[in-house]
Amino acid sequence: MKKLLIAPLAAALALAGFVPSASGTATAGSGDIATVAATASCKSLTALSTVHVRKSASTKSTSLRLWYKGTKGCDIKGVDGGSYKNTCGIDSYHYWRKVNYRGTVGYVPNVCVKYS
């Protein structure tokens, strides 16, 4: 029974950036506690088109990876950020989603994803 409970918890901690320390306890990597909690209770999102997952909520921010159309990721929270134009069929907007896509935590334009 313990193995059934530990494996999903370990996977959630690894996705959130927690790594074991020398003492055997988990320590925070680059994520924060809110990110861990959000990742553990994932609200599934699907990409409406292929989109860049960015380091911050701005089109000028570094692209961390591509999120491919039709694939799923996890919603963490919505944020107000830099404006984007002509993105996913919307002329201009400024709302972003903080997401976890295959272990990469970053930001995507809100209009390019939908809850699934």
C-alpha atoms as a PDB file:
ATOM      1  CA  MET A   1       0.000   0.000   0.000  1.00  0.00           C
ATOM      2  CA  LYS A   2       2.828   2.437   0.804  1.00  0.00           C
ATOM      3  CA  LYS A   3       4.330   2.015  -2.684  1.00  0.00           C
ATOM      4  CA  LEU A   4       1.022   3.046  -4.269  1.00  0.00           C
ATOM      5  CA  LEU A   5       0.970   6.310  -2.301  1.00  0.00           C
ATOM      6  CA  ILE A   6       4.665   7.199  -2.529  1.00  0.00           C
ATOM      7  CA  ALA A   7       5.151   6.922  -6.312  1.00  0.00           C
ATOM      8  CA  PRO A   8       2.596   9.651  -7.287  1.00  0.00           C
ATOM      9  CA  LEU A   9       3.892  11.948  -4.540  1.00  0.00           C
ATOM     10  CA  ALA A  10       7.488  11.468  -5.670  1.00  0.00           C
ATOM     11  CA  ALA A  11       6.509  12.227  -9.271  1.00  0.00           C
ATOM     12  CA  ALA A  12       4.673  15.425  -8.245  1.00  0.00           C
ATOM     13  CA  LEU A  13       7.664  16.589  -6.189  1.00  0.00           C
ATOM     14  CA  ALA A  14      10.063  15.891  -9.064  1.00  0.00           C
ATOM     15  CA  LEU A  15       7.881  17.844 -11.515  1.00  0.00           C
ATOM     16  CA  ALA A  16       7.781  20.764  -9.122  1.00  0.00           C
ATOM     17  CA  GLY A  17      11.564  20.944  -8.799  1.00  0.00           C
ATOM     18  CA  PHE A  18      12.017  19.275  -5.437  1.00  0.00           C
ATOM     19  CA  VAL A  19      15.120  17.149  -5.178  1.00  0.00           C
ATOM     20  CA  PRO A  20      16.440  14.996  -2.344  1.00  0.00           C
ATOM     21  CA  SER A  21      19.231  16.511  -0.258  1.00  0.00           C
ATOM     22  CA  ALA A  22      22.123  14.734   1.447  1.00  0.00           C
ATOM     23  CA  SER A  23      20.032  14.444   4.630  1.00  0.00           C
ATOM     24  CA  GLY A  24      17.316  12.586   2.725  1.00  0.00           C
ATOM     25  CA  THR A  25      14.735  15.341   2.968  1.00  0.00           C
ATOM     26  CA  ALA A  26      13.258  17.177  -0.008  1.00  0.00           C
ATOM     27  CA  THR A  27      14.435  20.705  -0.678  1.00  0.00           C
ATOM     28  CA  ALA A  28      12.980  23.294  -3.033  1.00  0.00           C
ATOM     29  CA  GLY A  29      14.705  23.761  -6.353  1.00  0.00           C
ATOM     30  CA  SER A  30      13.655  26.715  -8.491  1.00  0.00           C
ATOM     31  CA  GLY A  31       9.912  26.277  -7.720  1.00  0.00           C
ATOM     32  CA  ASP A  32       7.970  27.544  -4.758  1.00  0.00           C
ATOM     33  CA  ILE A  33       5.407  25.904  -2.460  1.00  0.00           C
ATOM     34  CA  ALA A  34       2.472  27.373  -4.419  1.00  0.00           C
ATOM     35  CA  THR A  35       3.821  25.810  -7.597  1.00  0.00           C
ATOM     36  CA  VAL A  36       4.148  22.422  -5.868  1.00  0.00           C
ATOM     37  CA  ALA A  37       0.565  22.563  -4.603  1.00  0.00           C
ATOM     38  CA  ALA A  38      -0.757  23.616  -8.006  1.00  0.00           C
ATOM     39  CA  THR A  39       1.180  20.886  -9.783  1.00  0.00           C
ATOM     40  CA  ALA A  40      -0.058  18.230  -7.368  1.00  0.00           C
ATOM     41  CA  SER A  41      -3.679  19.195  -8.142  1.00  0.00           C
ATOM     42  CA  CYS A  42      -3.273  19.697 -11.880  1.00  0.00           C
ATOM     43  CA  LYS A  43      -6.010  21.436 -13.866  1.00  0.00           C
ATOM     44  CA  SER A  44      -5.419  20.029 -17.332  1.00  0.00           C
ATOM     45  CA  LEU A  45      -4.920  22.420 -20.260  1.00  0.00           C
ATOM     46  CA  THR A  46      -4.673  21.625 -23.973  1.00  0.00           C
ATOM     47  CA  ALA A  47      -2.704  23.803 -26.406  1.00  0.00           C
ATOM     48  CA  LEU A  48      -4.881  25.209 -29.214  1.00  0.00           C
ATOM     49  CA  SER A  49      -1.809  25.760 -31.401  1.00  0.00           C
ATOM     50  CA  THR A  50       1.928  25.224 -31.020  1.00  0.00           C
ATOM     51  CA  VAL A  51       3.139  27.942 -28.644  1.00  0.00           C
ATOM     52  CA  HIS A  52       6.342  28.985 -26.833  1.00  0.00           C
ATOM     53  CA  VAL A  53       6.511  28.347 -23.074  1.00  0.00           C
ATOM     54  CA  ARG A  54       8.337  31.463 -21.878  1.00  0.00           C
ATOM     55  CA  LYS A  55      10.454  32.283 -18.819  1.00  0.00           C
ATOM     56  CA  SER A  56       8.216  35.261 -17.927  1.00  0.00           C
ATOM     57  CA  ALA A  57       4.861  36.627 -19.107  1.00  0.00           C
ATOM     58  CA  SER A  58       6.231  38.557 -22.079  1.00  0.00           C
ATOM     59  CA  THR A  59       6.767  37.855 -25.777  1.00  0.00           C
ATOM     60  CA  LYS A  60      10.285  39.278 -25.328  1.00  0.00           C
ATOM     61  CA  SER A  61      11.086  36.678 -22.669  1.00  0.00           C
ATOM     62  CA  THR A  62      13.275  33.649 -23.392  1.00  0.00           C
ATOM     63  CA  SER A  63      11.459  30.655 -24.872  1.00  0.00           C
ATOM     64  CA  LEU A  64      12.048  27.601 -22.658  1.00  0.00           C
ATOM     65  CA  ARG A  65      10.439  25.086 -25.044  1.00  0.00           C
ATOM     66  CA  LEU A  66       7.578  24.589 -27.475  1.00  0.00           C
ATOM     67  CA  TRP A  67       4.176  23.311 -26.350  1.00  0.00           C
ATOM     68  CA  TYR A  68       2.721  21.412 -29.296  1.00  0.00           C
ATOM     69  CA  LYS A  69      -0.869  21.765 -30.507  1.00  0.00           C
ATOM     70  CA  GLY A  70      -3.251  19.219 -28.996  1.00  0.00           C
ATOM     71  CA  THR A  71      -0.956  18.126 -26.152  1.00  0.00           C
ATOM     72  CA  LYS A  72      -1.787  18.565 -22.469  1.00  0.00           C
ATOM     73  CA  GLY A  73      -0.108  20.412 -19.621  1.00  0.00           C
ATOM     74  CA  CYS A  74      -0.994  21.658 -16.131  1.00  0.00           C
ATOM     75  CA  ASP A  75      -2.427  25.063 -15.236  1.00  0.00           C
ATOM     76  CA  ILE A  76      -0.799  26.753 -12.232  1.00  0.00           C
ATOM     77  CA  LYS A  77      -2.327  30.254 -12.251  1.00  0.00           C
ATOM     78  CA  GLY A  78      -3.327  33.199 -14.427  1.00  0.00           C
ATOM     79  CA  VAL A  79      -1.204  36.334 -14.545  1.00  0.00           C
ATOM     80  CA  ASP A  80      -1.425  39.762 -16.132  1.00  0.00           C
ATOM     81  CA  GLY A  81       1.648  40.351 -18.268  1.00  0.00           C
ATOM     82  CA  GLY A  82       3.019  41.856 -21.429  1.00  0.00           C
ATOM     83  CA  SER A  83       0.743  42.428 -24.416  1.00  0.00           C
ATOM     84  CA  TYR A  84       0.757  40.067 -27.347  1.00  0.00           C
ATOM     85  CA  LYS A  85      -0.689  40.650 -30.815  1.00  0.00           C
ATOM     86  CA  ASN A  86      -2.008  38.356 -33.528  1.00  0.00           C
ATOM     87  CA  THR A  87      -1.631  35.310 -31.292  1.00  0.00           C
ATOM     88  CA  CYS A  88      -3.865  32.251 -31.640  1.00  0.00           C
ATOM     89  CA  GLY A  89      -6.469  34.248 -33.584  1.00  0.00           C
ATOM     90  CA  ILE A  90      -6.697  37.186 -31.125  1.00  0.00           C
ATOM     91  CA  ASP A  91      -5.723  40.703 -32.280  1.00  0.00           C
ATOM     92  CA  SER A  92      -4.335  41.922 -28.947  1.00  0.00           C
ATOM     93  CA  TYR A  93      -4.448  40.736 -25.323  1.00  0.00           C
ATOM     94  CA  HIS A  94      -2.284  40.682 -22.163  1.00  0.00           C
ATOM     95  CA  TYR A  95      -3.376  37.765 -19.961  1.00  0.00           C
ATOM     96  CA  TRP A  96      -1.055  34.745 -19.534  1.00  0.00           C
ATOM     97  CA  ARG A  97      -1.195  31.312 -17.846  1.00  0.00           C
ATOM     98  CA  LYS A  98       1.625  30.006 -15.681  1.00  0.00           C
ATOM     99  CA  VAL A  99       1.844  26.346 -16.681  1.00  0.00           C
ATOM    100  CA  ASN A 100       3.793  23.158 -16.204  1.00  0.00           C
ATOM    101  CA  TYR A 101       4.314  21.459 -19.559  1.00  0.00           C
ATOM    102  CA  ARG A 102       6.268  18.199 -19.342  1.00  0.00           C
ATOM    103  CA  GLY A 103       8.319  19.432 -16.392  1.00  0.00           C
ATOM    104  CA  THR A 104       8.960  22.941 -17.740  1.00  0.00           C
ATOM    105  CA  VAL A 105       7.288  25.705 -15.703  1.00  0.00           C
ATOM    106  CA  GLY A 106       6.702  28.878 -17.678  1.00  0.00           C
ATOM    107  CA  TYR A 107       4.132  31.193 -19.256  1.00  0.00           C
ATOM    108  CA  VAL A 108       1.917  30.933 -22.346  1.00  0.00           C
ATOM    109  CA  PRO A 109      -0.664  33.343 -23.789  1.00  0.00           C
ATOM    110  CA  ASN A 110      -4.028  32.645 -22.182  1.00  0.00           C
ATOM    111  CA  VAL A 111      -5.820  32.556 -25.562  1.00  0.00           C
ATOM    112  CA  CYS A 112      -3.628  29.667 -26.803  1.00  0.00           C
ATOM    113  CA  VAL A 113      -4.833  27.099 -24.248  1.00  0.00           C
ATOM    114  CA  LYS A 114      -8.152  25.718 -23.056  1.00  0.00           C
ATOM    115  CA  TYR A 115      -9.193  23.638 -20.048  1.00  0.00           C
ATOM    116  CA  SER A 116      -9.535  19.984 -20.983  1.00  0.00           C
END
